[in-house]
Amino acid sequence: MLLVAGCSGSDSDSSGDASASAKSSGAAKPSPTVAPAKFKKLPNPCEAFSKDTVKKMLPKVKDASGERGNSTDNAAHGTCSWSSSDENGVDGTQFRWLDVGFQRYDSDLGIGSGEKRATDFYTKQVIDAKDTKDAKKLTSVKTSGTGDEATAITYDVKKEGNDFKNTTVIARTSNIVVTLNYNGAGLAGADTPKGADLLKKAQAAAKEAVTAATKANG
């Protein structure tokens, strides 16, 4: 249309059309957008692990179905916990505790993408785990093959005279963050569990929880 106007009209008319076109182009700026969140759902946290996994981690589990935590929005947040006390008479008791939490973030134009928000929360969870009060012999290791990123933090804590071995694994898969806590202690004279054994089981369970989050979204 500009070529036709240039041929049939005066130079001033052509210039006016060009100026109007420039103004129109400047007014039609694209609206700001944010990448949509990849995952829309969370799994039932009490079904994050197979029965075999629960049995291996908690040999004498009180309730294999777990105890689900309260949540005002099951699509955004969910938790479940299990405990086990393996009593061996004069040899004492082996105690184990396991809990898992899922946190999902939607994309928000004013805050950022779901993935960015989840990344920020993942970073905070790692920092909080490293800042555990009275933690001793704390170590932090990256855990490969578990979502987009994962970190395992191990440490010792003394509670009521008993030495507890603790492992926390935080993993992120896109806009979902999984936080897993697994600890154990030898009570009433039982041997303290090996931290390396707890770590290995916790890392495998975290991978399983991440897979559950993916499956929940088809």
N, C-alpha and C. Protein backbone atom coordinates (compact mmCIF):
# COMPACT_ATOMS: atom_id res chain seq x y z
N MET A 1 0.83 -1.20 0.00
CA MET A 1 0.00 0.00 0.00
C MET A 1 0.86 1.25 0.00
N LEU A 2 2.02 1.20 0.65
CA LEU A 2 2.90 2.37 0.65
C LEU A 2 3.48 2.65 -0.72
N LEU A 3 3.76 1.60 -1.48
CA LEU A 3 4.29 1.78 -2.83
C LEU A 3 3.26 2.45 -3.74
N VAL A 4 2.02 2.05 -3.63
CA VAL A 4 0.96 2.65 -4.45
C VAL A 4 0.79 4.11 -4.09
N ALA A 5 0.76 4.42 -2.79
CA ALA A 5 0.60 5.81 -2.38
C ALA A 5 1.76 6.66 -2.85
N GLY A 6 2.95 6.11 -2.88
CA GLY A 6 4.11 6.85 -3.32
C GLY A 6 4.05 7.19 -4.80
N CYS A 7 3.47 6.32 -5.57
CA CYS A 7 3.41 6.54 -7.02
C CYS A 7 2.30 7.51 -7.40
N SER A 8 1.18 7.48 -6.68
CA SER A 8 0.03 8.27 -7.08
C SER A 8 -0.08 9.59 -6.35
N GLY A 9 0.57 9.75 -5.22
CA GLY A 9 0.45 10.96 -4.42
C GLY A 9 1.73 11.76 -4.40
N SER A 10 1.73 12.82 -3.62
CA SER A 10 2.91 13.68 -3.51
C SER A 10 3.87 13.09 -2.49
N ASP A 11 5.09 13.65 -2.41
CA ASP A 11 6.08 13.20 -1.43
C ASP A 11 5.58 13.42 -0.01
N SER A 12 4.84 14.51 0.20
CA SER A 12 4.37 14.82 1.55
C SER A 12 3.34 13.81 2.00
N ASP A 13 2.50 13.33 1.07
CA ASP A 13 1.51 12.33 1.41
C ASP A 13 2.19 11.04 1.81
N SER A 14 3.24 10.66 1.06
CA SER A 14 3.98 9.43 1.34
C SER A 14 4.63 9.48 2.71
N SER A 15 5.20 10.65 3.03
CA SER A 15 5.86 10.82 4.31
C SER A 15 4.86 10.71 5.46
N GLY A 16 3.66 11.28 5.22
CA GLY A 16 2.63 11.21 6.26
C GLY A 16 2.20 9.79 6.52
N ASP A 17 2.05 9.00 5.43
CA ASP A 17 1.66 7.60 5.59
C ASP A 17 2.72 6.82 6.35
N ALA A 18 3.98 7.08 6.03
CA ALA A 18 5.08 6.37 6.69
C ALA A 18 5.12 6.69 8.17
N SER A 19 4.85 7.96 8.50
CA SER A 19 4.86 8.38 9.90
C SER A 19 3.74 7.71 10.67
N ALA A 20 2.56 7.63 10.04
CA ALA A 20 1.42 6.99 10.69
C ALA A 20 1.68 5.51 10.90
N SER A 21 2.34 4.90 9.87
CA SER A 21 2.66 3.47 9.97
C SER A 21 3.63 3.21 11.11
N ALA A 22 4.60 4.10 11.31
CA ALA A 22 5.59 3.94 12.37
C ALA A 22 4.94 4.04 13.73
N LYS A 23 3.99 5.02 13.84
CA LYS A 23 3.29 5.17 15.11
C LYS A 23 2.46 3.94 15.44
N SER A 24 1.80 3.40 14.38
CA SER A 24 0.98 2.21 14.58
C SER A 24 1.82 1.02 15.00
N SER A 25 3.01 0.92 14.38
CA SER A 25 3.91 -0.18 14.71
C SER A 25 4.40 -0.07 16.14
N GLY A 26 4.68 1.17 16.57
CA GLY A 26 5.17 1.38 17.92
C GLY A 26 4.12 1.08 18.96
N ALA A 27 2.86 1.26 18.64
CA ALA A 27 1.78 1.04 19.60
C ALA A 27 1.46 -0.44 19.77
N ALA A 28 1.83 -1.25 18.78
CA ALA A 28 1.48 -2.67 18.80
C ALA A 28 2.58 -3.51 19.41
N LYS A 29 3.08 -3.15 20.59
CA LYS A 29 4.12 -3.91 21.27
C LYS A 29 3.53 -5.19 21.85
N PRO A 30 4.27 -6.30 21.79
CA PRO A 30 3.74 -7.57 22.32
C PRO A 30 3.56 -7.51 23.83
N SER A 31 2.53 -8.17 24.33
CA SER A 31 2.27 -8.22 25.76
C SER A 31 3.30 -9.12 26.44
N PRO A 32 3.72 -8.79 27.67
CA PRO A 32 4.68 -9.65 28.38
C PRO A 32 4.07 -11.02 28.66
N THR A 33 4.90 -12.04 28.59
CA THR A 33 4.43 -13.41 28.81
C THR A 33 5.39 -14.14 29.76
N VAL A 34 4.94 -15.27 30.27
CA VAL A 34 5.77 -16.12 31.11
C VAL A 34 5.53 -17.57 30.67
N ALA A 35 6.60 -18.36 30.67
CA ALA A 35 6.48 -19.75 30.23
C ALA A 35 5.52 -20.51 31.14
N PRO A 36 4.61 -21.30 30.55
CA PRO A 36 3.65 -22.06 31.37
C PRO A 36 4.36 -23.13 32.20
N ALA A 37 3.78 -23.46 33.35
CA ALA A 37 4.34 -24.50 34.20
C ALA A 37 4.18 -25.86 33.53
N LYS A 38 5.19 -26.70 33.63
CA LYS A 38 5.17 -28.00 32.97
C LYS A 38 4.20 -28.96 33.63
N PHE A 39 4.26 -29.04 34.98
CA PHE A 39 3.43 -30.01 35.70
C PHE A 39 2.25 -29.32 36.38
N LYS A 40 1.09 -29.94 36.28
CA LYS A 40 -0.15 -29.38 36.83
C LYS A 40 -0.66 -30.14 38.06
N LYS A 41 -0.09 -31.31 38.34
CA LYS A 41 -0.60 -32.14 39.42
C LYS A 41 0.55 -32.64 40.31
N LEU A 42 0.16 -33.15 41.48
CA LEU A 42 1.08 -33.83 42.37
C LEU A 42 0.55 -35.24 42.63
N PRO A 43 1.45 -36.17 42.90
CA PRO A 43 0.99 -37.53 43.25
C PRO A 43 0.48 -37.54 44.69
N ASN A 44 -0.22 -38.59 45.05
CA ASN A 44 -0.55 -38.81 46.45
C ASN A 44 0.79 -39.07 47.16
N PRO A 45 1.21 -38.23 48.09
CA PRO A 45 2.54 -38.39 48.71
C PRO A 45 2.72 -39.74 49.41
N CYS A 46 1.63 -40.32 49.90
CA CYS A 46 1.73 -41.61 50.58
C CYS A 46 1.87 -42.77 49.60
N GLU A 47 1.80 -42.46 48.30
CA GLU A 47 1.99 -43.48 47.27
C GLU A 47 3.24 -43.18 46.43
N ALA A 48 4.13 -42.38 47.00
CA ALA A 48 5.34 -42.00 46.28
C ALA A 48 6.34 -43.14 46.16
N PHE A 49 6.25 -44.12 47.10
CA PHE A 49 7.20 -45.22 47.12
C PHE A 49 6.48 -46.56 46.97
N SER A 50 7.19 -47.52 46.41
CA SER A 50 6.63 -48.87 46.30
C SER A 50 6.61 -49.51 47.69
N LYS A 51 5.85 -50.57 47.82
CA LYS A 51 5.79 -51.30 49.10
C LYS A 51 7.16 -51.86 49.46
N ASP A 52 7.91 -52.30 48.46
CA ASP A 52 9.24 -52.85 48.71
C ASP A 52 10.18 -51.79 49.27
N THR A 53 10.08 -50.58 48.73
CA THR A 53 10.93 -49.48 49.21
C THR A 53 10.62 -49.15 50.66
N VAL A 54 9.33 -49.07 50.99
CA VAL A 54 8.93 -48.79 52.37
C VAL A 54 9.44 -49.88 53.31
N LYS A 55 9.35 -51.12 52.89
CA LYS A 55 9.79 -52.25 53.72
C LYS A 55 11.31 -52.21 53.93
N LYS A 56 12.06 -51.86 52.90
CA LYS A 56 13.51 -51.81 53.02
C LYS A 56 13.95 -50.68 53.95
N MET A 57 13.27 -49.55 53.85
CA MET A 57 13.67 -48.39 54.63
C MET A 57 13.14 -48.44 56.05
N LEU A 58 11.97 -49.10 56.23
CA LEU A 58 11.33 -49.17 57.55
C LEU A 58 10.89 -50.61 57.80
N PRO A 59 11.82 -51.48 58.24
CA PRO A 59 11.54 -52.92 58.37
C PRO A 59 10.32 -53.26 59.23
N LYS A 60 10.08 -52.49 60.28
CA LYS A 60 8.94 -52.75 61.16
C LYS A 60 8.01 -51.53 61.16
N VAL A 61 7.65 -51.11 59.96
CA VAL A 61 6.83 -49.90 59.82
C VAL A 61 5.49 -50.07 60.55
N LYS A 62 5.08 -49.03 61.27
CA LYS A 62 3.83 -49.08 62.03
C LYS A 62 2.62 -49.09 61.10
N ASP A 63 2.68 -48.31 60.04
CA ASP A 63 1.58 -48.23 59.09
C ASP A 63 2.17 -48.03 57.71
N ALA A 64 2.18 -49.09 56.90
CA ALA A 64 2.81 -49.04 55.58
C ALA A 64 2.15 -48.04 54.66
N SER A 65 0.89 -47.69 54.92
CA SER A 65 0.19 -46.72 54.07
C SER A 65 0.61 -45.29 54.37
N GLY A 66 1.32 -45.07 55.47
CA GLY A 66 1.82 -43.75 55.81
C GLY A 66 0.77 -42.84 56.43
N GLU A 67 1.22 -41.75 56.99
CA GLU A 67 0.32 -40.75 57.58
C GLU A 67 0.40 -39.48 56.75
N ARG A 68 -0.68 -39.17 56.07
CA ARG A 68 -0.69 -38.02 55.17
C ARG A 68 -0.90 -36.73 55.94
N GLY A 69 -0.11 -35.72 55.60
CA GLY A 69 -0.25 -34.42 56.25
C GLY A 69 -1.40 -33.63 55.67
N ASN A 70 -1.87 -32.66 56.44
CA ASN A 70 -2.97 -31.80 55.97
C ASN A 70 -2.45 -30.79 54.95
N SER A 71 -3.29 -30.49 53.96
CA SER A 71 -2.92 -29.51 52.94
C SER A 71 -4.17 -28.79 52.48
N THR A 72 -4.06 -27.49 52.30
CA THR A 72 -5.20 -26.70 51.81
C THR A 72 -5.31 -26.78 50.30
N ASP A 73 -4.27 -27.30 49.64
CA ASP A 73 -4.29 -27.42 48.18
C ASP A 73 -3.43 -28.62 47.78
N ASN A 74 -4.08 -29.76 47.56
CA ASN A 74 -3.35 -30.99 47.25
C ASN A 74 -2.65 -30.95 45.90
N ALA A 75 -3.01 -30.01 45.05
CA ALA A 75 -2.34 -29.88 43.75
C ALA A 75 -1.06 -29.07 43.86
N ALA A 76 -0.87 -28.40 45.01
CA ALA A 76 0.31 -27.56 45.20
C ALA A 76 1.25 -28.08 46.28
N HIS A 77 0.71 -28.79 47.26
CA HIS A 77 1.55 -29.22 48.39
C HIS A 77 1.01 -30.52 48.98
N GLY A 78 1.93 -31.44 49.30
CA GLY A 78 1.52 -32.69 49.92
C GLY A 78 2.67 -33.32 50.68
N THR A 79 2.35 -33.96 51.82
CA THR A 79 3.38 -34.62 52.63
C THR A 79 2.86 -35.96 53.15
N CYS A 80 3.80 -36.84 53.49
CA CYS A 80 3.45 -38.12 54.10
C CYS A 80 4.65 -38.59 54.93
N SER A 81 4.37 -39.32 56.03
CA SER A 81 5.45 -39.78 56.90
C SER A 81 5.20 -41.21 57.37
N TRP A 82 6.30 -41.89 57.70
CA TRP A 82 6.28 -43.26 58.20
C TRP A 82 7.29 -43.39 59.34
N SER A 83 7.05 -44.32 60.26
CA SER A 83 8.03 -44.59 61.31
C SER A 83 8.10 -46.09 61.57
N SER A 84 9.24 -46.53 62.10
CA SER A 84 9.46 -47.95 62.32
C SER A 84 10.31 -48.15 63.57
N SER A 85 9.89 -49.09 64.42
CA SER A 85 10.66 -49.45 65.61
C SER A 85 10.86 -50.96 65.62
N ASP A 86 12.09 -51.37 65.35
CA ASP A 86 12.42 -52.80 65.29
C ASP A 86 13.05 -53.18 66.63
N GLU A 87 12.24 -53.75 67.52
CA GLU A 87 12.69 -54.10 68.86
C GLU A 87 13.35 -55.47 68.90
N ASN A 88 14.55 -55.51 69.51
CA ASN A 88 15.31 -56.76 69.57
C ASN A 88 15.70 -57.11 71.00
N GLY A 89 14.77 -56.95 71.92
CA GLY A 89 15.02 -57.32 73.31
C GLY A 89 16.22 -56.62 73.91
N VAL A 90 17.14 -57.42 74.48
CA VAL A 90 18.31 -56.85 75.15
C VAL A 90 19.27 -56.18 74.18
N ASP A 91 19.08 -56.46 72.87
CA ASP A 91 19.96 -55.84 71.87
C ASP A 91 19.48 -54.45 71.46
N GLY A 92 18.39 -54.00 72.06
CA GLY A 92 17.92 -52.65 71.78
C GLY A 92 16.94 -52.57 70.63
N THR A 93 16.72 -51.36 70.17
CA THR A 93 15.72 -51.10 69.13
C THR A 93 16.31 -50.25 68.00
N GLN A 94 16.02 -50.65 66.79
CA GLN A 94 16.41 -49.84 65.64
C GLN A 94 15.21 -48.97 65.22
N PHE A 95 15.41 -47.67 65.29
CA PHE A 95 14.35 -46.73 64.94
C PHE A 95 14.64 -46.11 63.57
N ARG A 96 13.57 -45.97 62.76
CA ARG A 96 13.69 -45.30 61.46
C ARG A 96 12.51 -44.36 61.26
N TRP A 97 12.79 -43.25 60.60
CA TRP A 97 11.76 -42.26 60.26
C TRP A 97 11.95 -41.83 58.81
N LEU A 98 10.83 -41.72 58.09
CA LEU A 98 10.87 -41.28 56.69
C LEU A 98 9.72 -40.33 56.44
N ASP A 99 10.01 -39.20 55.80
CA ASP A 99 8.91 -38.35 55.34
C ASP A 99 9.28 -37.75 53.99
N VAL A 100 8.25 -37.43 53.21
CA VAL A 100 8.45 -36.85 51.89
C VAL A 100 7.47 -35.70 51.71
N GLY A 101 7.94 -34.65 51.09
CA GLY A 101 7.09 -33.50 50.80
C GLY A 101 7.20 -33.10 49.34
N PHE A 102 6.08 -32.77 48.73
CA PHE A 102 6.04 -32.29 47.34
C PHE A 102 5.55 -30.84 47.34
N GLN A 103 6.22 -29.99 46.59
CA GLN A 103 5.79 -28.60 46.45
C GLN A 103 5.80 -28.25 44.96
N ARG A 104 4.63 -27.81 44.45
CA ARG A 104 4.51 -27.47 43.03
C ARG A 104 4.21 -25.98 42.87
N TYR A 105 4.82 -25.37 41.85
CA TYR A 105 4.62 -23.95 41.59
C TYR A 105 4.03 -23.72 40.20
N ASP A 106 3.03 -22.84 40.14
CA ASP A 106 2.48 -22.40 38.87
C ASP A 106 3.27 -21.19 38.37
N SER A 107 3.15 -20.91 37.09
CA SER A 107 3.78 -19.71 36.54
C SER A 107 2.91 -18.50 36.87
N ASP A 108 3.56 -17.39 37.18
CA ASP A 108 2.85 -16.16 37.53
C ASP A 108 3.56 -14.99 36.86
N LEU A 109 2.82 -14.20 36.10
CA LEU A 109 3.42 -13.11 35.35
C LEU A 109 4.17 -12.14 36.25
N GLY A 110 3.63 -11.90 37.46
CA GLY A 110 4.26 -10.95 38.36
C GLY A 110 5.41 -11.52 39.17
N ILE A 111 5.51 -12.85 39.23
CA ILE A 111 6.55 -13.49 40.06
C ILE A 111 7.59 -14.22 39.23
N GLY A 112 7.12 -14.91 38.20
CA GLY A 112 8.05 -15.67 37.36
C GLY A 112 7.47 -17.01 36.96
N SER A 113 8.23 -17.75 36.20
CA SER A 113 7.77 -19.06 35.75
C SER A 113 7.73 -20.06 36.90
N GLY A 114 6.94 -21.11 36.73
CA GLY A 114 6.87 -22.15 37.74
C GLY A 114 8.24 -22.76 37.99
N GLU A 115 9.01 -22.94 36.93
CA GLU A 115 10.33 -23.54 37.07
C GLU A 115 11.27 -22.64 37.86
N LYS A 116 11.22 -21.33 37.60
CA LYS A 116 12.07 -20.40 38.35
C LYS A 116 11.68 -20.37 39.82
N ARG A 117 10.39 -20.36 40.10
CA ARG A 117 9.93 -20.33 41.48
C ARG A 117 10.34 -21.61 42.21
N ALA A 118 10.26 -22.74 41.51
CA ALA A 118 10.67 -24.02 42.10
C ALA A 118 12.17 -24.04 42.35
N THR A 119 12.93 -23.46 41.43
CA THR A 119 14.39 -23.40 41.59
C THR A 119 14.76 -22.58 42.81
N ASP A 120 14.07 -21.47 43.02
CA ASP A 120 14.32 -20.63 44.19
C ASP A 120 14.00 -21.39 45.48
N PHE A 121 12.89 -22.14 45.47
CA PHE A 121 12.51 -22.91 46.66
C PHE A 121 13.50 -24.04 46.91
N TYR A 122 13.94 -24.68 45.84
CA TYR A 122 14.94 -25.76 45.95
C TYR A 122 16.20 -25.22 46.64
N THR A 123 16.66 -24.07 46.20
CA THR A 123 17.86 -23.47 46.78
C THR A 123 17.66 -23.18 48.27
N LYS A 124 16.49 -22.67 48.63
CA LYS A 124 16.18 -22.36 50.03
C LYS A 124 16.15 -23.63 50.86
N GLN A 125 15.57 -24.71 50.33
CA GLN A 125 15.50 -25.97 51.06
C GLN A 125 16.89 -26.53 51.35
N VAL A 126 17.77 -26.41 50.38
CA VAL A 126 19.15 -26.88 50.58
C VAL A 126 19.83 -26.08 51.68
N ILE A 127 19.66 -24.76 51.64
CA ILE A 127 20.26 -23.90 52.66
C ILE A 127 19.71 -24.23 54.04
N ASP A 128 18.39 -24.40 54.13
CA ASP A 128 17.76 -24.71 55.42
C ASP A 128 18.27 -26.04 55.99
N ALA A 129 18.44 -27.03 55.12
CA ALA A 129 18.93 -28.34 55.57
C ALA A 129 20.36 -28.22 56.11
N LYS A 130 21.17 -27.40 55.45
CA LYS A 130 22.55 -27.21 55.89
C LYS A 130 22.63 -26.42 57.20
N ASP A 131 21.57 -25.67 57.50
CA ASP A 131 21.55 -24.86 58.72
C ASP A 131 20.85 -25.57 59.89
N THR A 132 20.64 -26.88 59.78
CA THR A 132 19.98 -27.62 60.85
C THR A 132 20.69 -27.40 62.19
N LYS A 133 19.92 -27.04 63.20
CA LYS A 133 20.49 -26.73 64.50
C LYS A 133 21.17 -27.95 65.13
N ASP A 134 22.35 -27.72 65.67
CA ASP A 134 23.13 -28.74 66.39
C ASP A 134 23.61 -29.89 65.49
N ALA A 135 23.59 -29.69 64.18
CA ALA A 135 24.05 -30.74 63.26
C ALA A 135 25.57 -30.91 63.35
N LYS A 136 26.01 -32.16 63.34
CA LYS A 136 27.43 -32.47 63.38
C LYS A 136 27.81 -33.31 62.16
N LYS A 137 29.07 -33.20 61.76
CA LYS A 137 29.59 -33.98 60.63
C LYS A 137 28.73 -33.80 59.37
N LEU A 138 28.36 -32.57 59.10
CA LEU A 138 27.48 -32.30 57.96
C LEU A 138 28.25 -32.37 56.64
N THR A 139 27.66 -33.07 55.68
CA THR A 139 28.23 -33.14 54.34
C THR A 139 27.12 -32.90 53.32
N SER A 140 27.50 -32.43 52.16
CA SER A 140 26.53 -32.16 51.08
C SER A 140 27.08 -32.72 49.78
N VAL A 141 26.25 -33.52 49.11
CA VAL A 141 26.69 -34.13 47.85
C VAL A 141 25.59 -34.01 46.79
N LYS A 142 26.00 -33.76 45.56
CA LYS A 142 25.05 -33.74 44.46
C LYS A 142 24.58 -35.15 44.16
N THR A 143 23.33 -35.28 43.79
CA THR A 143 22.75 -36.59 43.49
C THR A 143 22.33 -36.61 42.02
N SER A 144 23.01 -37.39 41.22
CA SER A 144 22.75 -37.40 39.78
C SER A 144 21.57 -38.30 39.43
N GLY A 145 20.98 -38.05 38.26
CA GLY A 145 19.90 -38.89 37.78
C GLY A 145 18.60 -38.76 38.54
N THR A 146 18.44 -37.64 39.25
CA THR A 146 17.23 -37.42 40.04
C THR A 146 16.64 -36.06 39.68
N GLY A 147 15.74 -36.05 38.71
CA GLY A 147 15.15 -34.79 38.26
C GLY A 147 16.16 -33.90 37.58
N ASP A 148 15.91 -32.60 37.59
CA ASP A 148 16.82 -31.64 36.96
C ASP A 148 18.01 -31.31 37.84
N GLU A 149 17.83 -31.42 39.14
CA GLU A 149 18.94 -31.20 40.08
C GLU A 149 18.54 -31.79 41.43
N ALA A 150 19.54 -32.26 42.16
CA ALA A 150 19.26 -32.85 43.47
C ALA A 150 20.50 -32.76 44.35
N THR A 151 20.28 -32.56 45.64
CA THR A 151 21.36 -32.47 46.62
C THR A 151 21.00 -33.30 47.84
N ALA A 152 21.96 -34.06 48.34
CA ALA A 152 21.76 -34.85 49.56
C ALA A 152 22.63 -34.26 50.66
N ILE A 153 22.02 -34.02 51.81
CA ILE A 153 22.74 -33.49 52.97
C ILE A 153 22.67 -34.52 54.09
N THR A 154 23.81 -34.90 54.63
CA THR A 154 23.86 -35.86 55.74
C THR A 154 24.47 -35.18 56.96
N TYR A 155 23.99 -35.59 58.12
CA TYR A 155 24.52 -35.01 59.36
C TYR A 155 24.09 -35.87 60.55
N ASP A 156 24.77 -35.66 61.67
CA ASP A 156 24.45 -36.36 62.92
C ASP A 156 23.82 -35.37 63.89
N VAL A 157 22.85 -35.85 64.65
CA VAL A 157 22.21 -35.04 65.68
C VAL A 157 21.98 -35.92 66.91
N LYS A 158 22.22 -35.35 68.07
CA LYS A 158 22.00 -36.09 69.33
C LYS A 158 20.65 -35.67 69.91
N LYS A 159 19.77 -36.66 70.15
CA LYS A 159 18.46 -36.38 70.72
C LYS A 159 18.22 -37.29 71.92
N GLU A 160 17.96 -36.67 73.06
CA GLU A 160 17.68 -37.42 74.29
C GLU A 160 18.73 -38.51 74.54
N GLY A 161 19.98 -38.16 74.28
CA GLY A 161 21.07 -39.08 74.54
C GLY A 161 21.34 -40.10 73.45
N ASN A 162 20.57 -40.07 72.39
CA ASN A 162 20.74 -41.03 71.29
C ASN A 162 21.33 -40.34 70.05
N ASP A 163 22.21 -41.06 69.36
CA ASP A 163 22.83 -40.52 68.16
C ASP A 163 21.99 -40.87 66.93
N PHE A 164 21.48 -39.84 66.28
CA PHE A 164 20.66 -40.03 65.08
C PHE A 164 21.48 -39.70 63.83
N LYS A 165 21.38 -40.59 62.84
CA LYS A 165 21.97 -40.35 61.53
C LYS A 165 20.86 -39.82 60.63
N ASN A 166 21.11 -38.70 59.99
CA ASN A 166 20.08 -38.06 59.18
C ASN A 166 20.52 -37.85 57.73
N THR A 167 19.58 -38.02 56.82
CA THR A 167 19.81 -37.71 55.41
C THR A 167 18.61 -36.92 54.89
N THR A 168 18.87 -35.80 54.28
CA THR A 168 17.83 -35.01 53.61
C THR A 168 18.21 -34.90 52.14
N VAL A 169 17.28 -35.27 51.28
CA VAL A 169 17.51 -35.15 49.84
C VAL A 169 16.49 -34.18 49.27
N ILE A 170 16.98 -33.13 48.62
CA ILE A 170 16.10 -32.16 47.95
C ILE A 170 16.32 -32.31 46.46
N ALA A 171 15.22 -32.50 45.73
CA ALA A 171 15.31 -32.69 44.27
C ALA A 171 14.28 -31.79 43.58
N ARG A 172 14.64 -31.34 42.39
CA ARG A 172 13.71 -30.54 41.60
C ARG A 172 13.53 -31.14 40.21
N THR A 173 12.29 -31.27 39.79
CA THR A 173 11.99 -31.65 38.42
C THR A 173 11.05 -30.59 37.87
N SER A 174 11.57 -29.75 37.01
CA SER A 174 10.84 -28.61 36.45
C SER A 174 10.25 -27.75 37.56
N ASN A 175 8.91 -27.70 37.69
CA ASN A 175 8.27 -26.81 38.67
C ASN A 175 7.82 -27.53 39.95
N ILE A 176 8.38 -28.72 40.19
CA ILE A 176 8.07 -29.47 41.42
C ILE A 176 9.35 -29.72 42.21
N VAL A 177 9.27 -29.51 43.53
CA VAL A 177 10.40 -29.78 44.42
C VAL A 177 10.01 -30.90 45.39
N VAL A 178 10.88 -31.89 45.49
CA VAL A 178 10.68 -33.01 46.41
C VAL A 178 11.69 -32.89 47.55
N THR A 179 11.20 -32.95 48.78
CA THR A 179 12.08 -32.93 49.95
C THR A 179 11.86 -34.20 50.75
N LEU A 180 12.91 -34.99 50.90
CA LEU A 180 12.82 -36.28 51.60
C LEU A 180 13.74 -36.26 52.80
N ASN A 181 13.21 -36.69 53.94
CA ASN A 181 14.00 -36.81 55.17
C ASN A 181 13.97 -38.26 55.64
N TYR A 182 15.15 -38.79 55.94
CA TYR A 182 15.26 -40.18 56.39
C TYR A 182 16.29 -40.22 57.50
N ASN A 183 15.89 -40.69 58.68
CA ASN A 183 16.85 -40.77 59.77
C ASN A 183 16.68 -42.06 60.56
N GLY A 184 17.72 -42.40 61.29
CA GLY A 184 17.69 -43.63 62.07
C GLY A 184 18.58 -43.53 63.28
N ALA A 185 18.28 -44.39 64.27
CA ALA A 185 19.08 -44.41 65.50
C ALA A 185 18.98 -45.77 66.15
N GLY A 186 20.01 -46.12 66.88
CA GLY A 186 19.99 -47.34 67.68
C GLY A 186 19.62 -46.98 69.10
N LEU A 187 18.47 -47.43 69.56
CA LEU A 187 17.99 -47.06 70.89
C LEU A 187 18.20 -48.20 71.89
N ALA A 188 18.27 -47.84 73.16
CA ALA A 188 18.40 -48.83 74.25
C ALA A 188 19.58 -49.78 74.04
N GLY A 189 20.70 -49.22 73.58
CA GLY A 189 21.91 -50.02 73.44
C GLY A 189 22.14 -50.61 72.05
N ALA A 190 21.22 -50.43 71.14
CA ALA A 190 21.41 -50.95 69.77
C ALA A 190 22.47 -50.14 69.05
N ASP A 191 23.12 -50.74 68.06
CA ASP A 191 24.16 -50.06 67.30
C ASP A 191 23.58 -48.91 66.48
N THR A 192 24.35 -47.84 66.36
CA THR A 192 23.96 -46.72 65.52
C THR A 192 24.02 -47.15 64.06
N PRO A 193 22.98 -46.89 63.27
CA PRO A 193 23.00 -47.29 61.86
C PRO A 193 24.12 -46.59 61.10
N LYS A 194 24.52 -47.17 60.00
CA LYS A 194 25.57 -46.58 59.16
C LYS A 194 24.99 -45.47 58.28
N GLY A 195 25.61 -44.31 58.35
CA GLY A 195 25.13 -43.18 57.57
C GLY A 195 25.15 -43.44 56.07
N ALA A 196 26.15 -44.17 55.61
CA ALA A 196 26.26 -44.46 54.17
C ALA A 196 25.10 -45.31 53.69
N ASP A 197 24.63 -46.21 54.56
CA ASP A 197 23.50 -47.06 54.20
C ASP A 197 22.22 -46.24 54.10
N LEU A 198 22.02 -45.34 55.06
CA LEU A 198 20.84 -44.47 55.03
C LEU A 198 20.86 -43.57 53.80
N LEU A 199 22.03 -43.04 53.48
CA LEU A 199 22.16 -42.15 52.32
C LEU A 199 21.80 -42.86 51.03
N LYS A 200 22.31 -44.06 50.86
CA LYS A 200 22.04 -44.83 49.64
C LYS A 200 20.54 -45.08 49.46
N LYS A 201 19.87 -45.46 50.55
CA LYS A 201 18.44 -45.73 50.48
C LYS A 201 17.64 -44.45 50.23
N ALA A 202 18.07 -43.35 50.86
CA ALA A 202 17.37 -42.07 50.69
C ALA A 202 17.49 -41.57 49.26
N GLN A 203 18.66 -41.70 48.66
CA GLN A 203 18.85 -41.25 47.29
C GLN A 203 17.99 -42.05 46.32
N ALA A 204 17.91 -43.36 46.53
CA ALA A 204 17.08 -44.21 45.67
C ALA A 204 15.60 -43.85 45.84
N ALA A 205 15.19 -43.57 47.07
CA ALA A 205 13.80 -43.21 47.33
C ALA A 205 13.45 -41.86 46.72
N ALA A 206 14.38 -40.92 46.77
CA ALA A 206 14.14 -39.60 46.18
C ALA A 206 13.93 -39.71 44.67
N LYS A 207 14.70 -40.56 44.05
CA LYS A 207 14.55 -40.79 42.61
C LYS A 207 13.16 -41.37 42.31
N GLU A 208 12.72 -42.25 43.18
CA GLU A 208 11.39 -42.87 43.04
C GLU A 208 10.28 -41.82 43.19
N ALA A 209 10.47 -40.90 44.14
CA ALA A 209 9.48 -39.84 44.37
C ALA A 209 9.40 -38.90 43.18
N VAL A 210 10.53 -38.59 42.57
CA VAL A 210 10.55 -37.73 41.39
C VAL A 210 9.82 -38.41 40.24
N THR A 211 10.04 -39.70 40.08
CA THR A 211 9.36 -40.46 39.04
C THR A 211 7.84 -40.45 39.27
N ALA A 212 7.43 -40.53 40.54
CA ALA A 212 6.00 -40.49 40.88
C ALA A 212 5.39 -39.16 40.48
N ALA A 213 6.14 -38.08 40.65
CA ALA A 213 5.65 -36.76 40.26
C ALA A 213 5.45 -36.67 38.75
N THR A 214 6.38 -37.24 38.02
CA THR A 214 6.26 -37.25 36.55
C THR A 214 5.07 -38.07 36.09
N LYS A 215 4.91 -39.25 36.67
CA LYS A 215 3.82 -40.13 36.29
C LYS A 215 2.46 -39.51 36.61
N ALA A 216 2.37 -38.74 37.67
CA ALA A 216 1.10 -38.12 38.05
C ALA A 216 0.61 -37.15 36.98
N ASN A 217 1.55 -36.71 36.13
CA ASN A 217 1.20 -35.76 35.07
C ASN A 217 1.15 -36.42 33.69
N GLY A 218 1.07 -37.74 33.70
CA GLY A 218 0.92 -38.45 32.43
C GLY A 218 2.19 -38.55 31.62
